[in-house]
Amino acid sequence: MTKILEPPKSARRRGGPSHEVRIAAEVAQRTKRQGRGAAQTIVVGGAPRVDLLPTEVLVDRRQRGVVRRVWLGVVVLVVATAGVVLLASASAMQEQAHLADVRRETDTLLLQQQQYRDVRTVETQSDLLRAAQAVGGSTEIDWQSTLQGVQDSLPAGVAITGVQIDSATPLEAYTQATGPLQGQRVATLTVDAASPTLPSVPSWLDAVRKLPGYVDANANSVTLDTSTGVYTVDMTIHLDETVFDGKYALKGKS
């Protein structure tokens, strides 16, 4: 229960409240505002308490509390910022150390490569030589086995008397036939064969079909030498690119 102190009558008669009366009125007014809206509790026998501090003092205390909280927030923000900066600096230092290690490893590898520079030069030259050999030998044909196949295809009693070979080169494409029914070829064999009897040309044409790379074959002429009684057969055989032996092709490379 709040008791409002009233100034003595003698003071009212003198024309106005004293300083103590004004303080008591302010305290009573503040107490009334603080207790507004709350249930009034009557304390019987309790010690009388009166807050005689001016309102300005309480306001100053609240403002100081707000200022302290603001400064505390500033300190926390500064500490957090400093922590982030320290972490970023530590990460940057680690990255720089890693970069330095990588650079040292690279320098070491370069020094090792310099030691084997001559070997690398020889390897490069060897690769160039192998590549040149592969290009130069790309049109290589095993003529020994091919001519042996022609010899084996001859009818009984027929012997080869002359052979002319014309084949493609790495630097120039082989001339193709102009006829629409003639296949692509990379080599031509012109064979002259002699026989004491009239040879079976169709049988020979069938036999040469078994030659590697066979495209077609034609009997150009069959002539008889009346002075000797010997028949001469002139035959042309065309071969395609499968007759290349690939002896100089680079191994393991497409």
Protein backbone atom coordinates (compact mmCIF):
# COMPACT_ATOMS: atom_id res chain seq x y z
CA MET A 1 0.00 0.00 0.00
CA THR A 2 1.39 3.31 -1.05
CA LYS A 3 0.92 6.33 1.09
CA ILE A 4 1.09 9.75 -0.42
CA LEU A 5 2.70 12.31 1.85
CA GLU A 6 1.02 15.65 1.95
CA PRO A 7 2.74 18.85 2.88
CA PRO A 8 1.81 20.32 6.26
CA LYS A 9 -0.85 22.96 6.33
CA SER A 10 1.64 25.54 7.47
CA ALA A 11 3.61 24.92 4.31
CA ARG A 12 0.52 25.23 2.15
CA ARG A 13 -0.32 28.44 3.83
CA ARG A 14 3.15 29.80 3.11
CA GLY A 15 2.41 29.59 -0.60
CA GLY A 16 3.87 26.31 -2.13
CA PRO A 17 5.28 22.82 -1.55
CA SER A 18 8.77 22.38 -0.28
CA HIS A 19 11.55 20.35 -2.06
CA GLU A 20 10.83 17.25 0.01
CA VAL A 21 7.18 17.44 -0.88
CA ARG A 22 7.97 17.52 -4.62
CA ILE A 23 10.25 14.45 -4.33
CA ALA A 24 7.56 12.59 -2.42
CA ALA A 25 5.02 13.47 -5.11
CA GLU A 26 7.32 12.24 -7.92
CA VAL A 27 7.98 8.97 -6.09
CA ALA A 28 4.30 8.44 -5.53
CA GLN A 29 3.52 9.18 -9.14
CA ARG A 30 6.21 6.72 -10.39
CA THR A 31 5.03 4.06 -7.98
CA LYS A 32 1.51 4.54 -9.24
CA ARG A 33 2.66 4.09 -12.87
CA GLN A 34 4.66 0.96 -12.04
CA GLY A 35 1.75 -0.61 -10.25
CA ARG A 36 -0.82 0.25 -12.93
CA GLY A 37 -2.45 -2.78 -14.47
CA ALA A 38 -1.13 -5.18 -11.76
CA ALA A 39 -2.97 -6.54 -8.77
CA GLN A 40 -2.50 -4.50 -5.58
CA THR A 41 -0.93 -6.47 -2.80
CA ILE A 42 -1.44 -5.29 0.76
CA VAL A 43 1.47 -6.12 2.97
CA VAL A 44 0.69 -5.95 6.67
CA GLY A 45 3.58 -5.44 9.00
CA GLY A 46 6.16 -5.03 6.24
CA ALA A 47 8.97 -2.52 6.35
CA PRO A 48 8.06 0.69 4.55
CA ARG A 49 10.09 1.24 1.37
CA VAL A 50 10.21 4.33 -0.72
CA ASP A 51 12.24 4.86 -3.92
CA LEU A 52 13.49 8.38 -3.59
CA LEU A 53 15.70 8.32 -6.73
CA PRO A 54 14.76 10.80 -9.44
CA THR A 55 13.45 9.54 -12.78
CA GLU A 56 16.52 10.91 -14.50
CA VAL A 57 18.72 8.51 -12.56
CA LEU A 58 16.68 5.47 -13.63
CA VAL A 59 16.69 6.60 -17.25
CA ASP A 60 20.43 7.09 -17.09
CA ARG A 61 20.84 3.56 -15.71
CA ARG A 62 18.76 2.07 -18.53
CA GLN A 63 20.75 4.00 -21.14
CA ARG A 64 24.01 2.79 -19.61
CA GLY A 65 22.74 -0.80 -19.85
CA VAL A 66 21.90 -0.31 -23.51
CA VAL A 67 25.33 1.19 -24.16
CA ARG A 68 27.02 -1.75 -22.40
CA ARG A 69 25.10 -4.25 -24.55
CA VAL A 70 26.01 -2.35 -27.72
CA TRP A 71 29.70 -2.35 -26.80
CA LEU A 72 29.50 -6.04 -25.96
CA GLY A 73 28.07 -6.71 -29.44
CA VAL A 74 30.86 -4.65 -31.00
CA VAL A 75 33.49 -6.65 -29.07
CA VAL A 76 31.93 -9.97 -30.16
CA LEU A 77 31.85 -8.79 -33.79
CA VAL A 78 35.51 -7.71 -33.62
CA VAL A 79 36.54 -11.05 -32.12
CA ALA A 80 34.59 -12.99 -34.78
CA THR A 81 36.12 -10.90 -37.58
CA ALA A 82 39.60 -11.42 -36.18
CA GLY A 83 38.97 -15.20 -36.06
CA VAL A 84 37.84 -15.26 -39.69
CA VAL A 85 40.88 -13.24 -40.73
CA LEU A 86 43.21 -15.60 -38.85
CA LEU A 87 41.61 -18.66 -40.48
CA ALA A 88 41.88 -17.10 -43.93
CA SER A 89 45.52 -16.21 -43.32
CA ALA A 90 46.31 -19.75 -42.14
CA SER A 91 44.60 -21.24 -45.23
CA ALA A 92 46.51 -18.88 -47.53
CA MET A 93 49.79 -19.86 -45.87
CA GLN A 94 49.02 -23.57 -46.34
CA GLU A 95 48.20 -23.02 -50.03
CA GLN A 96 51.43 -21.11 -50.54
CA ALA A 97 53.40 -23.89 -48.86
CA HIS A 98 51.69 -26.48 -51.09
CA LEU A 99 52.42 -24.39 -54.18
CA ALA A 100 56.06 -24.12 -53.18
CA ASP A 101 56.26 -27.93 -52.80
CA VAL A 102 54.72 -28.44 -56.24
CA ARG A 103 57.16 -25.99 -57.78
CA ARG A 104 60.10 -27.80 -56.16
CA GLU A 105 58.85 -31.13 -57.54
CA THR A 106 58.47 -29.60 -61.00
CA ASP A 107 61.99 -28.19 -60.90
CA THR A 108 63.33 -31.60 -59.84
CA LEU A 109 61.53 -33.33 -62.73
CA LEU A 110 62.86 -30.76 -65.19
CA LEU A 111 66.40 -31.36 -63.96
CA GLN A 112 65.95 -35.11 -64.37
CA GLN A 113 64.62 -34.63 -67.87
CA GLN A 114 67.67 -32.54 -68.74
CA GLN A 115 69.88 -35.47 -67.72
CA TYR A 116 68.18 -37.70 -70.30
CA ARG A 117 67.90 -35.09 -73.02
CA ASP A 118 70.21 -37.00 -75.38
CA VAL A 119 68.18 -40.17 -74.92
CA ARG A 120 64.97 -38.32 -75.71
CA THR A 121 66.59 -36.86 -78.83
CA VAL A 122 67.59 -40.32 -80.02
CA GLU A 123 64.10 -41.65 -79.30
CA THR A 124 62.56 -38.82 -81.29
CA GLN A 125 64.88 -39.46 -84.22
CA SER A 126 64.13 -43.18 -84.06
CA ASP A 127 60.41 -42.46 -84.13
CA LEU A 128 60.89 -40.26 -87.19
CA LEU A 129 62.91 -42.97 -88.90
CA ARG A 130 60.28 -45.60 -88.14
CA ALA A 131 57.53 -43.32 -89.40
CA ALA A 132 59.48 -42.63 -92.62
CA GLN A 133 60.12 -46.33 -93.05
CA ALA A 134 56.42 -47.09 -92.53
CA VAL A 135 55.46 -44.53 -95.19
CA GLY A 136 58.12 -45.69 -97.62
CA GLY A 137 57.25 -49.35 -97.15
CA SER A 138 53.49 -48.91 -97.14
CA THR A 139 53.31 -50.13 -100.76
CA GLU A 140 55.79 -52.96 -100.26
CA ILE A 141 54.74 -56.29 -101.85
CA ASP A 142 56.31 -59.66 -101.24
CA TRP A 143 56.96 -60.34 -104.90
CA GLN A 144 58.82 -63.56 -104.23
CA SER A 145 55.76 -65.27 -102.72
CA THR A 146 53.47 -63.64 -105.29
CA LEU A 147 55.53 -64.89 -108.26
CA GLN A 148 55.77 -68.29 -106.62
CA GLY A 149 51.98 -68.33 -106.49
CA VAL A 150 51.86 -67.51 -110.22
CA GLN A 151 54.34 -70.29 -110.92
CA ASP A 152 52.26 -72.77 -108.93
CA SER A 153 49.13 -71.80 -110.90
CA LEU A 154 50.67 -72.73 -114.30
CA PRO A 155 49.27 -75.76 -116.13
CA ALA A 156 51.57 -78.74 -116.57
CA GLY A 157 54.33 -78.18 -119.11
CA VAL A 158 54.02 -74.35 -119.05
CA ALA A 159 57.00 -72.23 -117.94
CA ILE A 160 57.33 -68.53 -117.31
CA THR A 161 59.63 -66.81 -119.76
CA GLY A 162 59.16 -63.18 -118.76
CA VAL A 163 57.52 -61.00 -116.11
CA GLN A 164 56.80 -57.27 -116.02
CA ILE A 165 55.79 -55.63 -112.71
CA ASP A 166 54.08 -52.27 -112.25
CA SER A 167 52.99 -51.22 -108.75
CA ALA A 168 51.99 -48.18 -106.70
CA THR A 169 54.50 -45.97 -104.87
CA PRO A 170 54.11 -44.00 -101.61
CA LEU A 171 54.40 -40.72 -103.51
CA GLU A 172 52.04 -41.35 -106.40
CA ALA A 173 48.62 -42.97 -106.71
CA TYR A 174 48.38 -45.92 -109.03
CA THR A 175 46.70 -45.30 -112.37
CA GLN A 176 43.30 -46.95 -112.49
CA ALA A 177 41.48 -48.48 -115.41
CA THR A 178 38.93 -46.42 -117.29
CA GLY A 179 36.51 -49.32 -117.85
CA PRO A 180 33.48 -49.34 -115.54
CA LEU A 181 33.68 -53.09 -114.80
CA GLN A 182 37.36 -53.18 -113.86
CA GLY A 183 38.22 -53.13 -110.14
CA GLN A 184 40.59 -50.94 -108.21
CA ARG A 185 44.19 -52.14 -108.39
CA VAL A 186 47.59 -51.24 -106.93
CA ALA A 187 49.80 -53.54 -109.00
CA THR A 188 49.87 -55.25 -112.40
CA LEU A 189 51.70 -58.42 -113.43
CA THR A 190 52.31 -59.12 -117.10
CA VAL A 191 53.42 -62.73 -117.49
CA ASP A 192 54.78 -64.42 -120.61
CA ALA A 193 54.64 -68.22 -120.52
CA ALA A 194 55.76 -70.83 -123.05
CA SER A 195 54.26 -74.27 -123.68
CA PRO A 196 55.12 -77.01 -126.17
CA THR A 197 51.43 -77.75 -126.49
CA LEU A 198 48.38 -75.55 -126.65
CA PRO A 199 47.86 -74.54 -123.04
CA SER A 200 44.51 -74.55 -121.31
CA VAL A 201 44.10 -70.79 -120.78
CA PRO A 202 40.69 -71.00 -118.98
CA SER A 203 42.17 -73.40 -116.43
CA TRP A 204 45.08 -71.04 -115.84
CA LEU A 205 42.71 -68.08 -115.37
CA ASP A 206 40.80 -70.05 -112.75
CA ALA A 207 44.01 -71.02 -110.97
CA VAL A 208 45.34 -67.46 -110.58
CA ARG A 209 42.19 -66.46 -108.69
CA LYS A 210 43.81 -67.93 -105.59
CA LEU A 211 46.60 -65.33 -105.61
CA PRO A 212 46.61 -62.87 -102.65
CA GLY A 213 45.04 -59.55 -103.67
CA TYR A 214 43.64 -60.94 -106.93
CA VAL A 215 41.33 -58.50 -108.77
CA ASP A 216 41.12 -59.85 -112.32
CA ALA A 217 43.18 -61.54 -115.02
CA ASN A 218 43.10 -61.48 -118.82
CA ALA A 219 44.84 -63.55 -121.48
CA ASN A 220 46.02 -60.95 -123.93
CA SER A 221 47.22 -63.34 -126.62
CA VAL A 222 48.24 -66.91 -127.44
CA THR A 223 50.78 -67.21 -130.30
CA LEU A 224 52.57 -70.11 -131.95
CA ASP A 225 56.18 -69.93 -133.09
CA THR A 226 56.14 -72.11 -136.20
CA SER A 227 59.90 -72.43 -136.25
CA THR A 228 60.02 -73.99 -132.79
CA GLY A 229 56.47 -75.24 -132.38
CA VAL A 230 56.20 -73.46 -128.97
CA TYR A 231 53.09 -71.63 -127.84
CA THR A 232 53.50 -68.29 -126.02
CA VAL A 233 50.79 -66.94 -123.73
CA ASP A 234 50.67 -63.30 -122.66
CA MET A 235 48.58 -62.75 -119.49
CA THR A 236 47.85 -59.67 -117.36
CA ILE A 237 46.99 -60.03 -113.65
CA HIS A 238 45.75 -57.12 -111.47
CA LEU A 239 46.18 -57.06 -107.68
CA ASP A 240 44.51 -54.86 -105.01
CA GLU A 241 45.84 -53.30 -101.78
CA THR A 242 45.44 -56.50 -99.76
CA VAL A 243 48.63 -57.72 -101.44
CA PHE A 244 50.70 -55.24 -99.37
CA ASP A 245 52.72 -57.17 -96.80
CA GLY A 246 52.67 -54.41 -94.11
CA LYS A 247 56.18 -55.34 -93.04
CA TYR A 248 57.08 -51.77 -92.07
CA ALA A 249 53.79 -50.77 -90.51
CA LEU A 250 54.03 -49.20 -87.06
CA LYS A 251 53.11 -51.77 -84.44
CA GLY A 252 50.38 -50.93 -81.95
CA LYS A 253 49.41 -47.67 -83.69
CA SER A 254 46.40 -46.93 -85.79
